[in-house]
């Protein structure tokens, strides 16, 4: 890698002797910073979110759904099954009676 300006040996000696060597330190720091800036890609910015959206929040005026409704206890299921079977028995008996009456 070549810099825009390569100092000569005499220039380096002069920088070292002036201001107690602080000129040479400053020059070298700028050279290092320039080299790092050339090889380091700029950080990628985060993708923009749609306007008006708060991340992780429900839209204003809404709320998350509540718990699922209860499907009933075992005893309730047994009672419903018993009622349904009784309903079918009465219906089948009624259908049998109407079938016998029709000639």
C-alpha atoms as a PDB file:
ATOM      1  CA  UNK A   1       0.000   0.000   0.000  1.00  0.00           C
ATOM      2  CA  UNK A   2       1.434   3.346  -0.902  1.00  0.00           C
ATOM      3  CA  UNK A   3       0.554   6.579   0.806  1.00  0.00           C
ATOM      4  CA  UNK A   4      -0.108   9.832  -0.983  1.00  0.00           C
ATOM      5  CA  UNK A   5       3.187  11.107   0.350  1.00  0.00           C
ATOM      6  CA  UNK A   6       6.140   8.949   1.308  1.00  0.00           C
ATOM      7  CA  UNK A   7       8.499  10.798   3.654  1.00  0.00           C
ATOM      8  CA  UNK A   8      12.206  10.791   2.970  1.00  0.00           C
ATOM      9  CA  UNK A   9      14.785   9.817   5.582  1.00  0.00           C
ATOM     10  CA  UNK A  10      15.632  13.478   6.174  1.00  0.00           C
ATOM     11  CA  UNK A  11      11.966  14.317   6.777  1.00  0.00           C
ATOM     12  CA  UNK A  12      11.666  11.543   9.350  1.00  0.00           C
ATOM     13  CA  UNK A  13      14.814  12.785  11.137  1.00  0.00           C
ATOM     14  CA  UNK A  14      13.374  16.301  11.215  1.00  0.00           C
ATOM     15  CA  UNK A  15      10.018  15.111  12.594  1.00  0.00           C
ATOM     16  CA  UNK A  16      11.800  13.085  15.259  1.00  0.00           C
ATOM     17  CA  UNK A  17      13.870  16.064  16.397  1.00  0.00           C
ATOM     18  CA  UNK A  18      10.992  18.600  16.429  1.00  0.00           C
ATOM     19  CA  UNK A  19       8.687  18.855  19.463  1.00  0.00           C
ATOM     20  CA  UNK A  20      10.301  15.888  21.167  1.00  0.00           C
ATOM     21  CA  UNK A  21       9.146  13.446  18.476  1.00  0.00           C
ATOM     22  CA  UNK A  22       5.439  14.276  18.799  1.00  0.00           C
ATOM     23  CA  UNK A  23       5.294  15.293  15.131  1.00  0.00           C
ATOM     24  CA  UNK A  24       6.524  11.862  14.079  1.00  0.00           C
ATOM     25  CA  UNK A  25       4.007  10.146  16.408  1.00  0.00           C
ATOM     26  CA  UNK A  26       1.152  12.232  15.032  1.00  0.00           C
ATOM     27  CA  UNK A  27       2.249  11.502  11.459  1.00  0.00           C
ATOM     28  CA  UNK A  28       2.433   7.768  12.087  1.00  0.00           C
ATOM     29  CA  UNK A  29      -0.966   7.747  13.816  1.00  0.00           C
ATOM     30  CA  UNK A  30      -2.588   9.452  10.830  1.00  0.00           C
ATOM     31  CA  UNK A  31      -0.911   6.975   8.479  1.00  0.00           C
ATOM     32  CA  UNK A  32      -2.257   4.034  10.526  1.00  0.00           C
ATOM     33  CA  UNK A  33      -5.736   5.554  10.718  1.00  0.00           C
ATOM     34  CA  UNK A  34      -5.778   6.146   6.971  1.00  0.00           C
ATOM     35  CA  UNK A  35      -4.772   2.530   6.315  1.00  0.00           C
ATOM     36  CA  UNK A  36      -7.432   1.181   8.655  1.00  0.00           C
ATOM     37  CA  UNK A  37     -10.091   3.349   7.076  1.00  0.00           C
ATOM     38  CA  UNK A  38      -9.236   1.967   3.654  1.00  0.00           C
ATOM     39  CA  UNK A  39      -9.489  -1.721   4.617  1.00  0.00           C
ATOM     40  CA  UNK A  40     -12.364  -1.608   7.117  1.00  0.00           C
ATOM     41  CA  UNK A  41     -15.765  -1.701   5.397  1.00  0.00           C
ATOM     42  CA  UNK A  42     -18.319   0.680   6.872  1.00  0.00           C
ATOM     43  CA  UNK A  43     -20.724  -0.973   9.324  1.00  0.00           C
ATOM     44  CA  UNK A  44     -23.999  -2.060   7.754  1.00  0.00           C
ATOM     45  CA  UNK A  45     -26.982  -0.170   9.020  1.00  0.00           C
ATOM     46  CA  UNK A  46     -29.982  -2.035  10.398  1.00  0.00           C
ATOM     47  CA  UNK A  47     -32.940  -2.374   8.015  1.00  0.00           C
ATOM     48  CA  UNK A  48     -35.581   0.261   8.543  1.00  0.00           C
ATOM     49  CA  UNK A  49     -38.854  -0.800  10.113  1.00  0.00           C
ATOM     50  CA  UNK A  50     -42.165   0.357   8.689  1.00  0.00           C
ATOM     51  CA  UNK A  51     -43.305   3.689  10.057  1.00  0.00           C
ATOM     52  CA  UNK A  52     -45.584   3.563  13.084  1.00  0.00           C
ATOM     53  CA  UNK A  53     -44.633   0.055  14.147  1.00  0.00           C
ATOM     54  CA  UNK A  54     -43.386  -0.617  17.644  1.00  0.00           C
ATOM     55  CA  UNK A  55     -41.320  -3.808  17.644  1.00  0.00           C
ATOM     56  CA  UNK A  56     -42.728  -6.618  19.740  1.00  0.00           C
ATOM     57  CA  UNK A  57     -45.932  -4.807  20.659  1.00  0.00           C
ATOM     58  CA  UNK A  58     -49.525  -5.462  19.686  1.00  0.00           C
ATOM     59  CA  UNK A  59     -51.084  -2.740  17.531  1.00  0.00           C
ATOM     60  CA  UNK A  60     -52.669   0.075  19.531  1.00  0.00           C
ATOM     61  CA  UNK A  61     -56.176  -0.735  20.716  1.00  0.00           C
ATOM     62  CA  UNK A  62     -55.717  -4.516  20.563  1.00  0.00           C
ATOM     63  CA  UNK A  63     -54.514  -7.165  22.956  1.00  0.00           C
ATOM     64  CA  UNK A  64     -53.244 -10.723  22.693  1.00  0.00           C
ATOM     65  CA  UNK A  65     -55.858 -13.478  22.570  1.00  0.00           C
ATOM     66  CA  UNK A  66     -56.999 -14.887  25.883  1.00  0.00           C
ATOM     67  CA  UNK A  67     -56.706 -18.495  26.960  1.00  0.00           C
ATOM     68  CA  UNK A  68     -58.582 -21.153  24.989  1.00  0.00           C
ATOM     69  CA  UNK A  69     -62.094 -21.832  26.237  1.00  0.00           C
ATOM     70  CA  UNK A  70     -62.597 -24.847  28.488  1.00  0.00           C
ATOM     71  CA  UNK A  71     -63.820 -27.974  26.706  1.00  0.00           C
ATOM     72  CA  UNK A  72     -65.609 -29.264  29.788  1.00  0.00           C
ATOM     73  CA  UNK A  73     -64.934 -31.849  32.422  1.00  0.00           C
ATOM     74  CA  UNK A  74     -65.056 -35.621  31.988  1.00  0.00           C
ATOM     75  CA  UNK A  75     -68.433 -35.762  33.743  1.00  0.00           C
ATOM     76  CA  UNK A  76     -69.876 -33.143  31.386  1.00  0.00           C
ATOM     77  CA  UNK A  77     -68.689 -35.151  28.363  1.00  0.00           C
ATOM     78  CA  UNK A  78     -70.239 -38.323  29.753  1.00  0.00           C
ATOM     79  CA  UNK A  79     -73.560 -36.538  30.348  1.00  0.00           C
ATOM     80  CA  UNK A  80     -73.569 -35.067  26.840  1.00  0.00           C
ATOM     81  CA  UNK A  81     -72.827 -38.495  25.349  1.00  0.00           C
ATOM     82  CA  UNK A  82     -75.636 -40.070  27.381  1.00  0.00           C
ATOM     83  CA  UNK A  83     -78.101 -37.356  26.248  1.00  0.00           C
ATOM     84  CA  UNK A  84     -77.090 -37.835  22.607  1.00  0.00           C
ATOM     85  CA  UNK A  85     -77.555 -41.612  22.783  1.00  0.00           C
ATOM     86  CA  UNK A  86     -81.006 -41.150  24.365  1.00  0.00           C
ATOM     87  CA  UNK A  87     -81.916 -38.729  21.607  1.00  0.00           C
ATOM     88  CA  UNK A  88     -80.898 -41.267  18.961  1.00  0.00           C
ATOM     89  CA  UNK A  89     -82.874 -44.063  20.667  1.00  0.00           C
ATOM     90  CA  UNK A  90     -86.045 -41.946  20.760  1.00  0.00           C
ATOM     91  CA  UNK A  91     -85.590 -40.876  17.161  1.00  0.00           C
ATOM     92  CA  UNK A  92     -85.025 -44.434  15.955  1.00  0.00           C
ATOM     93  CA  UNK A  93     -88.052 -45.612  17.912  1.00  0.00           C
ATOM     94  CA  UNK A  94     -90.167 -42.836  16.400  1.00  0.00           C
ATOM     95  CA  UNK A  95     -88.920 -43.662  12.892  1.00  0.00           C
ATOM     96  CA  UNK A  96     -89.775 -47.337  13.464  1.00  0.00           C
ATOM     97  CA  UNK A  97     -93.292 -46.410  14.591  1.00  0.00           C
ATOM     98  CA  UNK A  98     -93.923 -44.226  11.519  1.00  0.00           C
ATOM     99  CA  UNK A  99     -92.530 -46.904   9.177  1.00  0.00           C
ATOM    100  CA  UNK A 100     -94.934 -49.498  10.582  1.00  0.00           C
ATOM    101  CA  UNK A 101     -97.938 -47.198  10.192  1.00  0.00           C
ATOM    102  CA  UNK A 102     -97.305 -46.544   6.519  1.00  0.00           C
ATOM    103  CA  UNK A 103     -98.878 -49.268   4.300  1.00  0.00           C
END
